[in-house]
Amino acid sequence: MFGRFIKNTAVKAAGLAITQYAAKAALHSETGKRLMSSAATNVAKLAGNFAKQQVVSGFNNRIKYALPSSESLQTSVANAQSALRAAQTSVQNAQAHLQSNLAERFSRQKVKLSKELDKTAQSLEEMEENLIDHQETATEITVQDNADQLAAAYIDASSDIAVVPTKQSKTLRKVAIASGVVAGTALGLAAFSAYSIAPRKQNDCLLLERWHEIARHRYAHRGLFNNEADIPENSLLAFRAACQKGFGSEVDVHLTVDKKLVVIHDSALDRLCGVQKIVEESTLGELRGLRLLGTDEQIPTLEEVLETYSWSGAGDLPAPLIIEVKTRQNNAEELTAQVMKALDIRPVRACIESFDPRVLKWLRQNRPAMLRGQLSENFLVDRKISHMNIATRAGATALFGNSVGRPDFIAYKFEDRKNPFVKLACDTMGAHLITWIIKNEEDMIASELEGAPVIFEGFIPEPKSLIN
C-alpha cells in the first residue's frame, strides 16, 4: 500500500520537519527514536563544534588573531534566539493541533505525543534562559578588551604558548557554542525539510510550455457530471459533455485483475454500482456488466475517455486531461506503465497526478517528459480517511513523498492550500499548484488569481481560466 511507502518516507525524514509530534509518531521503535534523536544531535554538535573551533583556534595561534566584535556576538545570539522562538512556536502549534485534531481512537498516542511535546517545550525554555545569560555577558565584551587580555597572556612570541583562558574568553566560547547549537539545529532541520518536499527544478522549457497549456483551462471533476440528472460521474456521457463545452476533465484510473484500465473513482463498487465488488479484483467483462447509479451508463475504459479527448486533426485541440492514477496495494508501477502506453497512441494532451508517490517515482525514472503532480490535502483533519495512521497522515500532509517523486505540481485541496509545506514547495521552491475541488466561482477566481488552475464541480463556469 502507498500508505506504508509514505509512512517509511516520513520515518526517514522524522525530526526534519512537520512538527515534533509527527516525527515522534512516525517512529514506532526504540531504534527509530534513537536514530531521530541522533540525527538532530549530530547536526547540533557539528554546528556547535564548528563555531567553537572558530573561536578556540586563535588561542594557540602564534600570530595576532582577530576576534569577533561585540556587535557580531550580539547578532549571533539574536539569530539563535530567533531560531529558538521559531522552534517554540512550532511546538506550541503542534500542541494545539494535537489537542484539536486527533480522534478519540488515537487517545493513547495522543497522551504519549503530548508528553514528548511538553519535554521539548521545557528544553527550549532552558535553552532560552541560557542564551539570555550569554547575551548579558556578551554585551560587556569588546574587541579591544579581548585583544589586550590575549596579548598580555603571551609569554614569548617566538615559542609555542598555551594561553590561559580568561573569564570573558570562556564566556565567548559558551556564546559561540550555544548560538551554534541552536542555529545549527534549526538550520539543519530546515535544510532536511526543504530536501524532503522539494519539487523538480523548473528549468525545462518544454515542460514549462506544457504546464502553461494545462493552466489555461478549467477541469471538470470526474467529467461534467450530474448524478441527479442521469449523468453519472466518470461516465462517457459526463466526459463528452465536458469536452464539448471546452473543459478539461479530471479522470480516475484503476487497473483490473486482467490488466485493463478503467475509469471510476472508488475501488469498492457499492456506492456507484450497488454491488460488493472491488475493481482490482474484477475482470473488465465483469465490470462491463454493471451500470452506474442505475443509468444505462457503463464503467468506461481509459481508451474510451482518451478517444473522446483525442484531436481529430482539424479544428481546435481539445482541452487537456488530468489523469489521477488510483493505486491499490503494490500495482503502482504496472498501472502507471499501462497508462503511459495508452497515452502514447492517442493525440491527447495530459498530465498525471496521484496520491501515491510511487507513481511519480516511476514517471521520474521512466518518463521524465510527462508532467507529474503530487495529490494531497490536510489528512490530519480529514475524518473521512480511516485507513491511514497518524504517521502516514502527517507525512502525506507535509508532502514528504516529494523526496522520491519530485513533482512538477502540487494538487492540493483548496481549503488546505495555505499549509506551510505547500507554500514552501510552491512559493519558495517553484512547484506549480492545482486546487481541488472548487464548488463556486468565488473560490475559482481566488485560486486562479493565485496562479493555480482549478478542478471544479457543481457549477458550470467559462472553460478558459484567468491564467495566461
Protein backbone atom coordinates (compact mmCIF):
# COMPACT_ATOMS: atom_id res chain seq x y z
CA MET A 1 0.00 0.00 0.00
CA PHE A 2 1.19 3.52 -0.71
CA GLY A 3 0.40 4.26 2.95
CA ARG A 4 3.34 2.12 4.03
CA PHE A 5 5.54 3.77 1.44
CA ILE A 6 4.79 7.31 2.51
CA LYS A 7 5.00 6.30 6.17
CA ASN A 8 8.51 4.99 5.55
CA THR A 9 9.37 8.23 3.80
CA ALA A 10 8.06 10.16 6.78
CA VAL A 11 10.11 7.95 9.10
CA LYS A 12 13.28 8.67 7.16
CA ALA A 13 12.52 12.37 7.36
CA ALA A 14 11.49 12.24 11.03
CA GLY A 15 12.91 15.07 13.08
CA LEU A 16 13.39 17.03 9.90
CA ALA A 17 10.15 18.96 9.69
CA ILE A 18 6.39 18.90 10.04
CA THR A 19 6.10 19.03 13.84
CA GLN A 20 7.60 17.33 16.84
CA TYR A 21 4.56 15.12 17.23
CA ALA A 22 4.59 13.99 13.59
CA ALA A 23 8.21 12.94 13.90
CA LYS A 24 7.58 11.08 17.15
CA ALA A 25 4.55 9.31 15.74
CA ALA A 26 6.49 8.29 12.65
CA LEU A 27 9.00 6.37 14.72
CA HIS A 28 7.42 3.35 16.40
CA SER A 29 10.52 1.54 17.58
CA GLU A 30 13.11 2.48 20.18
CA THR A 31 15.77 2.19 17.48
CA GLY A 32 13.86 4.63 15.33
CA LYS A 33 13.59 7.11 18.18
CA ARG A 34 17.32 6.88 18.78
CA LEU A 35 18.01 7.46 15.09
CA MET A 36 15.88 10.59 15.07
CA SER A 37 17.46 11.91 18.24
CA SER A 38 20.92 11.07 16.96
CA ALA A 39 20.34 12.87 13.65
CA ALA A 40 19.24 16.10 15.32
CA THR A 41 22.01 15.85 17.92
CA ASN A 42 24.69 15.29 15.28
CA VAL A 43 23.56 18.34 13.34
CA ALA A 44 23.67 20.43 16.50
CA LYS A 45 27.09 19.10 17.51
CA LEU A 46 28.56 19.77 14.08
CA ALA A 47 27.33 23.35 14.12
CA GLY A 48 28.37 23.88 17.73
CA ASN A 49 31.83 22.37 17.27
CA PHE A 50 32.42 24.42 14.15
CA ALA A 51 31.52 27.62 16.00
CA LYS A 52 33.70 26.59 18.91
CA GLN A 53 36.66 25.83 16.64
CA GLN A 54 36.42 29.25 15.01
CA VAL A 55 36.89 30.89 18.41
CA VAL A 56 39.27 28.47 20.08
CA SER A 57 41.60 28.16 17.08
CA GLY A 58 43.03 31.59 17.80
CA PHE A 59 44.13 30.77 21.31
CA ASN A 60 47.06 28.64 20.13
CA ASN A 61 47.81 30.74 17.07
CA ARG A 62 51.30 32.32 17.10
CA ILE A 63 50.17 35.43 15.21
CA LYS A 64 47.77 38.14 16.26
CA TYR A 65 44.27 36.88 15.68
CA ALA A 66 41.07 38.75 15.03
CA LEU A 67 38.19 38.18 17.38
CA PRO A 68 34.56 38.92 16.60
CA SER A 69 33.21 42.27 17.68
CA SER A 70 30.66 42.65 20.42
CA GLU A 71 28.17 43.64 17.73
CA SER A 72 28.70 40.37 15.86
CA LEU A 73 28.32 38.44 19.09
CA GLN A 74 25.06 40.23 19.79
CA THR A 75 23.88 39.41 16.26
CA SER A 76 24.85 35.77 16.67
CA VAL A 77 22.94 35.49 19.93
CA ALA A 78 19.95 37.32 18.43
CA ASN A 79 19.88 34.92 15.48
CA ALA A 80 20.00 31.98 17.85
CA GLN A 81 17.16 33.46 19.89
CA SER A 82 15.12 33.96 16.73
CA ALA A 83 15.60 30.33 15.75
CA LEU A 84 14.70 29.33 19.29
CA ARG A 85 11.46 31.33 19.19
CA ALA A 86 10.55 29.71 15.88
CA ALA A 87 11.11 26.28 17.41
CA GLN A 88 8.96 27.21 20.41
CA THR A 89 6.18 28.44 18.13
CA SER A 90 6.34 25.17 16.18
CA VAL A 91 5.99 23.16 19.37
CA GLN A 92 3.09 25.31 20.59
CA ASN A 93 1.30 24.91 17.26
CA ALA A 94 1.88 21.17 17.38
CA GLN A 95 0.42 21.01 20.89
CA ALA A 96 -2.68 22.92 19.82
CA HIS A 97 -3.06 20.83 16.66
CA LEU A 98 -2.66 17.64 18.65
CA GLN A 99 -5.46 18.58 21.04
CA SER A 100 -7.91 19.68 18.36
CA ASN A 101 -7.43 17.23 15.52
CA LEU A 102 -6.82 13.72 16.79
CA ALA A 103 -9.80 11.43 17.13
CA GLU A 104 -10.57 9.56 20.34
CA ARG A 105 -9.28 6.31 18.89
CA PHE A 106 -5.80 7.84 18.97
CA SER A 107 -6.06 8.78 22.66
CA ARG A 108 -3.10 6.63 23.78
CA GLN A 109 -0.82 8.02 21.10
CA LYS A 110 -2.19 11.47 21.87
CA VAL A 111 -1.13 11.29 25.53
CA LYS A 112 2.29 9.95 24.61
CA LEU A 113 2.92 12.61 21.99
CA SER A 114 1.67 15.32 24.35
CA LYS A 115 4.26 14.29 26.94
CA GLU A 116 7.00 14.38 24.31
CA LEU A 117 5.95 17.88 23.29
CA ASP A 118 5.95 19.06 26.92
CA LYS A 119 9.52 17.78 27.34
CA THR A 120 10.60 19.55 24.17
CA ALA A 121 8.98 22.81 25.30
CA GLN A 122 10.76 22.59 28.66
CA SER A 123 14.13 22.01 26.96
CA LEU A 124 13.58 25.04 24.75
CA GLU A 125 12.78 27.19 27.79
CA GLU A 126 16.02 26.13 29.47
CA MET A 127 17.99 26.92 26.33
CA GLU A 128 16.33 30.33 26.16
CA GLU A 129 17.42 31.15 29.73
CA ASN A 130 20.97 30.09 28.90
CA LEU A 131 21.04 32.34 25.84
CA ILE A 132 19.81 35.31 27.89
CA ASP A 133 22.74 34.81 30.30
CA HIS A 134 25.19 34.72 27.39
CA GLN A 135 23.63 37.79 25.84
CA GLU A 136 24.18 39.83 29.02
CA THR A 137 27.81 38.79 29.23
CA ALA A 138 28.47 39.30 25.53
CA THR A 139 27.36 42.91 25.85
CA GLU A 140 30.35 43.60 28.10
CA ILE A 141 32.89 42.16 25.68
CA THR A 142 34.70 44.47 23.26
CA VAL A 143 37.30 43.73 20.64
CA GLN A 144 39.90 45.84 22.44
CA ASP A 145 39.33 44.09 25.77
CA ASN A 146 39.94 40.72 24.18
CA ALA A 147 42.96 41.91 22.24
CA ASP A 148 44.57 43.40 25.37
CA GLN A 149 43.92 40.35 27.52
CA LEU A 150 45.19 37.90 24.92
CA ALA A 151 48.27 39.99 24.13
CA ALA A 152 49.13 40.13 27.82
CA ALA A 153 48.86 36.38 28.03
CA TYR A 154 51.72 35.84 25.56
CA ILE A 155 54.92 34.98 27.37
CA ASP A 156 57.18 34.58 24.37
CA ALA A 157 56.07 35.37 20.80
CA SER A 158 58.70 33.02 19.33
CA SER A 159 57.65 29.91 21.25
CA ASP A 160 54.58 27.70 21.42
CA ILE A 161 52.49 29.05 24.26
CA ALA A 162 49.22 27.90 25.79
CA VAL A 163 47.13 30.96 26.56
CA VAL A 164 45.28 30.83 29.86
CA PRO A 165 41.57 31.38 29.12
CA THR A 166 40.07 34.38 30.88
CA LYS A 167 36.54 34.55 32.24
CA GLN A 168 35.47 36.50 29.19
CA SER A 169 37.12 34.11 26.73
CA LYS A 170 35.26 31.24 28.36
CA THR A 171 32.05 33.19 28.01
CA LEU A 172 32.91 33.88 24.40
CA ARG A 173 33.20 30.17 23.73
CA LYS A 174 29.92 29.50 25.51
CA VAL A 175 28.14 32.12 23.42
CA ALA A 176 29.54 30.67 20.20
CA ILE A 177 28.67 27.12 21.17
CA ALA A 178 25.16 27.99 22.35
CA SER A 179 24.50 30.02 19.22
CA GLY A 180 25.88 27.27 17.02
CA VAL A 181 23.85 24.56 18.69
CA VAL A 182 20.53 26.38 18.41
CA ALA A 183 21.04 27.93 14.99
CA GLY A 184 22.73 24.80 13.63
CA THR A 185 19.88 22.59 14.76
CA ALA A 186 17.26 24.91 13.31
CA LEU A 187 19.11 25.29 10.02
CA GLY A 188 19.80 21.57 9.82
CA LEU A 189 16.16 20.68 10.30
CA ALA A 190 15.09 23.32 7.81
CA ALA A 191 17.56 22.04 5.21
CA PHE A 192 16.42 18.45 5.57
CA SER A 193 12.77 19.55 5.46
CA ALA A 194 13.39 21.50 2.28
CA TYR A 195 15.07 18.49 0.71
CA SER A 196 12.12 16.27 1.63
CA ILE A 197 9.48 18.38 -0.09
CA ALA A 198 11.45 19.94 -2.95
CA PRO A 199 9.81 19.62 -6.40
CA ARG A 200 11.55 19.04 -9.71
CA LYS A 201 13.59 22.04 -10.86
CA GLN A 202 11.53 24.09 -13.28
CA ASN A 203 14.22 24.68 -15.91
CA ASP A 204 12.87 22.62 -18.84
CA CYS A 205 11.29 24.89 -21.47
CA LEU A 206 9.18 22.08 -22.94
CA LEU A 207 7.74 21.14 -19.54
CA LEU A 208 7.03 24.79 -18.78
CA GLU A 209 5.14 25.16 -22.05
CA ARG A 210 3.12 22.04 -21.25
CA TRP A 211 2.30 23.48 -17.85
CA HIS A 212 1.10 26.71 -19.47
CA GLU A 213 -1.23 24.61 -21.64
CA ILE A 214 -2.61 22.95 -18.51
CA ALA A 215 -3.01 26.28 -16.69
CA ARG A 216 -5.09 27.89 -19.45
CA HIS A 217 -8.05 25.57 -18.84
CA ARG A 218 -10.54 24.60 -16.16
CA TYR A 219 -11.13 20.94 -15.31
CA ALA A 220 -14.42 19.20 -14.65
CA HIS A 221 -14.07 16.87 -11.67
CA ARG A 222 -14.88 13.33 -12.94
CA GLY A 223 -16.31 14.92 -16.07
CA LEU A 224 -19.19 17.37 -16.27
CA PHE A 225 -21.47 15.11 -14.26
CA ASN A 226 -24.78 15.49 -12.51
CA ASN A 227 -25.60 12.36 -10.55
CA GLU A 228 -29.17 13.56 -10.02
CA ALA A 229 -29.78 14.13 -13.74
CA ASP A 230 -28.67 10.72 -15.04
CA ILE A 231 -25.19 11.94 -15.98
CA PRO A 232 -23.06 9.83 -13.62
CA GLU A 233 -19.57 10.83 -12.50
CA ASN A 234 -16.73 9.35 -14.54
CA SER A 235 -19.13 8.27 -17.29
CA LEU A 236 -18.58 8.73 -21.02
CA LEU A 237 -21.66 10.95 -21.01
CA ALA A 238 -20.01 13.25 -18.45
CA PHE A 239 -16.68 13.36 -20.30
CA ARG A 240 -18.34 14.09 -23.65
CA ALA A 241 -20.32 16.93 -22.08
CA ALA A 242 -17.15 18.43 -20.62
CA CYS A 243 -15.19 18.11 -23.85
CA GLN A 244 -17.97 19.63 -25.96
CA LYS A 245 -18.10 22.70 -23.69
CA GLY A 246 -14.32 23.15 -23.88
CA PHE A 247 -13.43 21.89 -20.41
CA GLY A 248 -10.63 19.55 -19.50
CA SER A 249 -11.53 16.67 -17.20
CA GLU A 250 -10.03 15.05 -14.14
CA VAL A 251 -10.07 11.29 -14.72
CA ASP A 252 -9.66 8.47 -12.14
CA VAL A 253 -7.95 5.34 -13.47
CA HIS A 254 -7.76 1.83 -11.97
CA LEU A 255 -6.24 -1.46 -13.15
CA THR A 256 -8.48 -4.54 -13.29
CA VAL A 257 -7.39 -8.05 -12.39
CA ASP A 258 -6.98 -8.81 -16.11
CA LYS A 259 -4.76 -5.72 -16.58
CA LYS A 260 -7.29 -3.40 -18.23
CA LEU A 261 -7.58 0.31 -17.49
CA VAL A 262 -10.99 1.51 -16.31
CA VAL A 263 -12.23 4.93 -15.23
CA ILE A 264 -14.04 5.09 -11.89
CA HIS A 265 -13.32 6.83 -8.60
CA ASP A 266 -13.81 4.15 -5.95
CA SER A 267 -12.17 0.75 -5.80
CA ALA A 268 -15.28 -0.52 -4.00
CA LEU A 269 -18.28 -0.62 -6.32
CA ASP A 270 -21.12 -0.45 -3.81
CA ARG A 271 -21.66 3.33 -3.99
CA LEU A 272 -21.82 3.67 -7.77
CA CYS A 273 -22.93 0.22 -8.90
CA GLY A 274 -24.68 -1.27 -5.86
CA VAL A 275 -22.57 -4.44 -5.75
CA GLN A 276 -19.98 -5.74 -3.28
CA LYS A 277 -17.04 -5.93 -5.66
CA ILE A 278 -13.56 -4.44 -5.89
CA VAL A 279 -12.35 -3.05 -9.22
CA GLU A 280 -8.85 -4.51 -8.87
CA GLU A 281 -10.31 -7.95 -8.13
CA SER A 282 -12.71 -7.93 -11.10
CA THR A 283 -12.26 -8.50 -14.82
CA LEU A 284 -13.21 -5.94 -17.44
CA GLY A 285 -16.01 -8.23 -18.59
CA GLU A 286 -17.48 -8.33 -15.08
CA LEU A 287 -17.31 -4.56 -14.78
CA ARG A 288 -18.91 -4.00 -18.18
CA GLY A 289 -21.98 -5.84 -16.96
CA LEU A 290 -22.55 -3.19 -14.28
CA ARG A 291 -24.32 0.17 -14.59
CA LEU A 292 -23.54 3.50 -12.95
CA LEU A 293 -26.14 4.80 -10.47
CA GLY A 294 -28.99 2.92 -12.11
CA THR A 295 -28.49 4.54 -15.53
CA ASP A 296 -27.58 2.92 -18.82
CA GLU A 297 -24.00 4.19 -18.46
CA GLN A 298 -21.22 1.61 -18.13
CA ILE A 299 -17.86 1.95 -16.41
CA PRO A 300 -15.72 3.32 -19.27
CA THR A 301 -12.23 2.24 -20.19
CA LEU A 302 -9.41 4.77 -20.27
CA GLU A 303 -9.11 4.20 -24.02
CA GLU A 304 -12.72 5.34 -24.48
CA VAL A 305 -12.12 8.52 -22.50
CA LEU A 306 -8.92 9.25 -24.41
CA GLU A 307 -10.80 8.78 -27.67
CA THR A 308 -13.30 11.41 -26.51
CA TYR A 309 -10.46 13.91 -25.95
CA SER A 310 -8.33 12.95 -28.96
CA TRP A 311 -7.64 15.59 -31.59
CA SER A 312 -9.17 14.75 -34.96
CA GLY A 313 -6.58 16.74 -36.92
CA ALA A 314 -8.99 19.53 -37.72
CA GLY A 315 -10.24 22.43 -35.64
CA ASP A 316 -9.11 23.37 -32.15
CA LEU A 317 -7.29 20.97 -29.88
CA PRO A 318 -9.47 19.53 -27.11
CA ALA A 319 -8.61 20.71 -23.61
CA PRO A 320 -6.09 18.59 -21.67
CA LEU A 321 -6.86 15.81 -19.20
CA ILE A 322 -5.65 15.50 -15.62
CA ILE A 323 -5.31 11.76 -15.09
CA GLU A 324 -5.31 10.57 -11.50
CA VAL A 325 -3.64 7.17 -11.12
CA LYS A 326 -5.50 5.27 -8.38
CA THR A 327 -3.21 2.59 -7.00
CA ARG A 328 -4.06 -0.37 -4.80
CA GLN A 329 -1.53 -2.41 -2.82
CA ASN A 330 1.60 -2.77 -4.99
CA ASN A 331 0.32 -2.12 -8.52
CA ALA A 332 1.73 1.42 -8.87
CA GLU A 333 4.46 0.63 -11.40
CA GLU A 334 2.35 -1.64 -13.61
CA LEU A 335 -0.63 0.72 -13.55
CA THR A 336 1.46 3.79 -14.39
CA ALA A 337 3.23 1.98 -17.22
CA GLN A 338 -0.12 0.91 -18.69
CA VAL A 339 -1.47 4.47 -18.52
CA MET A 340 1.58 5.78 -20.37
CA LYS A 341 1.21 3.13 -23.08
CA ALA A 342 -2.39 4.22 -23.60
CA LEU A 343 -1.34 7.87 -23.86
CA ASP A 344 1.43 7.02 -26.33
CA ILE A 345 -1.05 6.01 -29.04
CA ARG A 346 -3.53 8.87 -28.63
CA PRO A 347 -3.17 12.54 -29.68
CA VAL A 348 -4.22 13.76 -26.24
CA ARG A 349 -2.72 16.45 -24.03
CA ALA A 350 -2.49 15.23 -20.45
CA CYS A 351 -0.66 15.32 -17.16
CA ILE A 352 -0.62 12.69 -14.41
CA GLU A 353 -1.24 13.07 -10.69
CA SER A 354 -1.53 10.65 -7.79
CA PHE A 355 -1.70 10.47 -4.02
CA ASP A 356 0.85 7.66 -4.31
CA PRO A 357 4.46 8.96 -4.61
CA ARG A 358 5.48 5.67 -6.24
CA VAL A 359 3.59 6.72 -9.36
CA LEU A 360 5.65 9.89 -9.59
CA LYS A 361 8.83 7.94 -8.87
CA TRP A 362 8.11 5.65 -11.84
CA LEU A 363 7.47 8.63 -14.10
CA ARG A 364 10.61 10.33 -12.86
CA GLN A 365 12.71 7.29 -13.71
CA ASN A 366 10.99 6.16 -16.92
CA ARG A 367 9.01 9.06 -18.42
CA PRO A 368 10.60 12.33 -17.28
CA ALA A 369 8.92 14.28 -20.11
CA MET A 370 5.48 13.73 -18.56
CA LEU A 371 4.18 16.46 -16.23
CA ARG A 372 3.64 14.84 -12.85
CA GLY A 373 1.79 16.05 -9.79
CA GLN A 374 1.56 15.07 -6.12
CA LEU A 375 -2.01 14.98 -4.81
CA SER A 376 -2.56 15.77 -1.16
CA GLU A 377 -4.60 17.57 1.49
CA ASN A 378 -4.51 18.12 5.24
CA PHE A 379 -5.11 14.50 6.23
CA LEU A 380 -4.80 15.41 9.90
CA VAL A 381 -8.26 16.99 9.83
CA ASP A 382 -9.98 14.79 7.23
CA ARG A 383 -12.21 12.44 9.23
CA LYS A 384 -13.30 10.52 6.13
CA ILE A 385 -9.86 8.95 5.74
CA SER A 386 -9.81 5.90 8.00
CA HIS A 387 -7.06 3.69 6.53
CA MET A 388 -4.13 5.98 7.38
CA ASN A 389 -2.34 6.08 10.73
CA ILE A 390 -1.02 9.29 12.27
CA ALA A 391 2.47 8.99 10.79
CA THR A 392 1.10 8.44 7.29
CA ARG A 393 -1.33 11.34 7.67
CA ALA A 394 1.44 13.65 8.83
CA GLY A 395 3.88 12.62 6.11
CA ALA A 396 1.29 12.97 3.33
CA THR A 397 0.10 16.34 4.63
CA ALA A 398 3.70 17.62 4.70
CA LEU A 399 4.44 16.33 1.18
CA PHE A 400 7.30 14.10 2.34
CA GLY A 401 6.69 11.91 -0.72
CA ASN A 402 8.18 14.67 -2.86
CA SER A 403 11.62 13.38 -1.94
CA VAL A 404 11.15 10.42 -4.28
CA GLY A 405 8.65 11.75 -6.82
CA ARG A 406 9.96 15.31 -7.33
CA PRO A 407 6.65 16.59 -8.73
CA ASP A 408 6.18 19.42 -11.20
CA PHE A 409 2.97 20.48 -9.50
CA ILE A 410 1.13 20.00 -6.23
CA ALA A 411 -2.61 19.24 -6.46
CA TYR A 412 -3.85 20.28 -3.03
CA LYS A 413 -7.31 20.66 -1.53
CA PHE A 414 -8.37 24.30 -1.95
CA GLU A 415 -9.29 24.83 1.70
CA ASP A 416 -5.91 23.46 2.84
CA ARG A 417 -3.68 25.28 0.34
CA LYS A 418 -2.27 27.68 2.97
CA ASN A 419 -0.42 24.74 4.51
CA PRO A 420 3.17 26.00 5.14
CA PHE A 421 4.61 22.99 3.31
CA VAL A 422 2.55 23.81 0.22
CA LYS A 423 3.72 27.41 0.39
CA LEU A 424 7.33 26.28 0.75
CA ALA A 425 7.10 23.84 -2.17
CA CYS A 426 5.21 26.24 -4.45
CA ASP A 427 6.02 29.83 -3.45
CA THR A 428 9.65 29.24 -2.48
CA MET A 429 10.77 26.21 -4.48
CA GLY A 430 8.83 26.82 -7.68
CA ALA A 431 6.34 23.94 -7.87
CA HIS A 432 3.09 24.73 -9.66
CA LEU A 433 -0.23 24.40 -7.83
CA ILE A 434 -3.62 22.98 -8.83
CA THR A 435 -6.53 23.24 -6.40
CA TRP A 436 -9.48 20.90 -5.89
CA ILE A 437 -12.48 20.66 -5.52
CA ILE A 438 -13.74 24.15 -6.38
CA LYS A 439 -17.51 24.44 -5.90
CA ASN A 440 -18.23 28.11 -6.59
CA GLU A 441 -16.98 30.96 -8.76
CA GLU A 442 -15.61 32.96 -5.84
CA ASP A 443 -13.15 30.22 -4.85
CA MET A 444 -12.32 29.56 -8.51
CA ILE A 445 -11.34 33.18 -9.10
CA ALA A 446 -9.37 33.30 -5.84
CA SER A 447 -7.38 30.22 -6.84
CA GLU A 448 -6.65 31.41 -10.37
CA LEU A 449 -5.58 34.85 -9.16
CA GLU A 450 -3.03 32.98 -7.04
CA GLY A 451 -1.84 31.22 -10.21
CA ALA A 452 -3.47 27.85 -9.50
CA PRO A 453 -5.78 26.28 -12.13
CA VAL A 454 -8.83 24.52 -10.73
CA ILE A 455 -10.66 21.21 -10.70
CA PHE A 456 -14.34 22.10 -10.21
CA GLU A 457 -17.76 20.51 -9.80
CA GLY A 458 -21.33 21.57 -9.05
CA PHE A 459 -21.45 24.63 -11.34
CA ILE A 460 -20.54 25.47 -14.93
CA PRO A 461 -18.06 28.35 -15.42
CA GLU A 462 -16.38 29.54 -18.61
CA PRO A 463 -13.94 26.90 -19.94
CA LYS A 464 -10.81 29.10 -20.05
CA SER A 465 -9.05 30.08 -16.83
CA LEU A 466 -7.86 33.56 -15.88
CA ILE A 467 -4.26 32.33 -16.07
CA ASN A 468 -2.37 33.41 -19.19
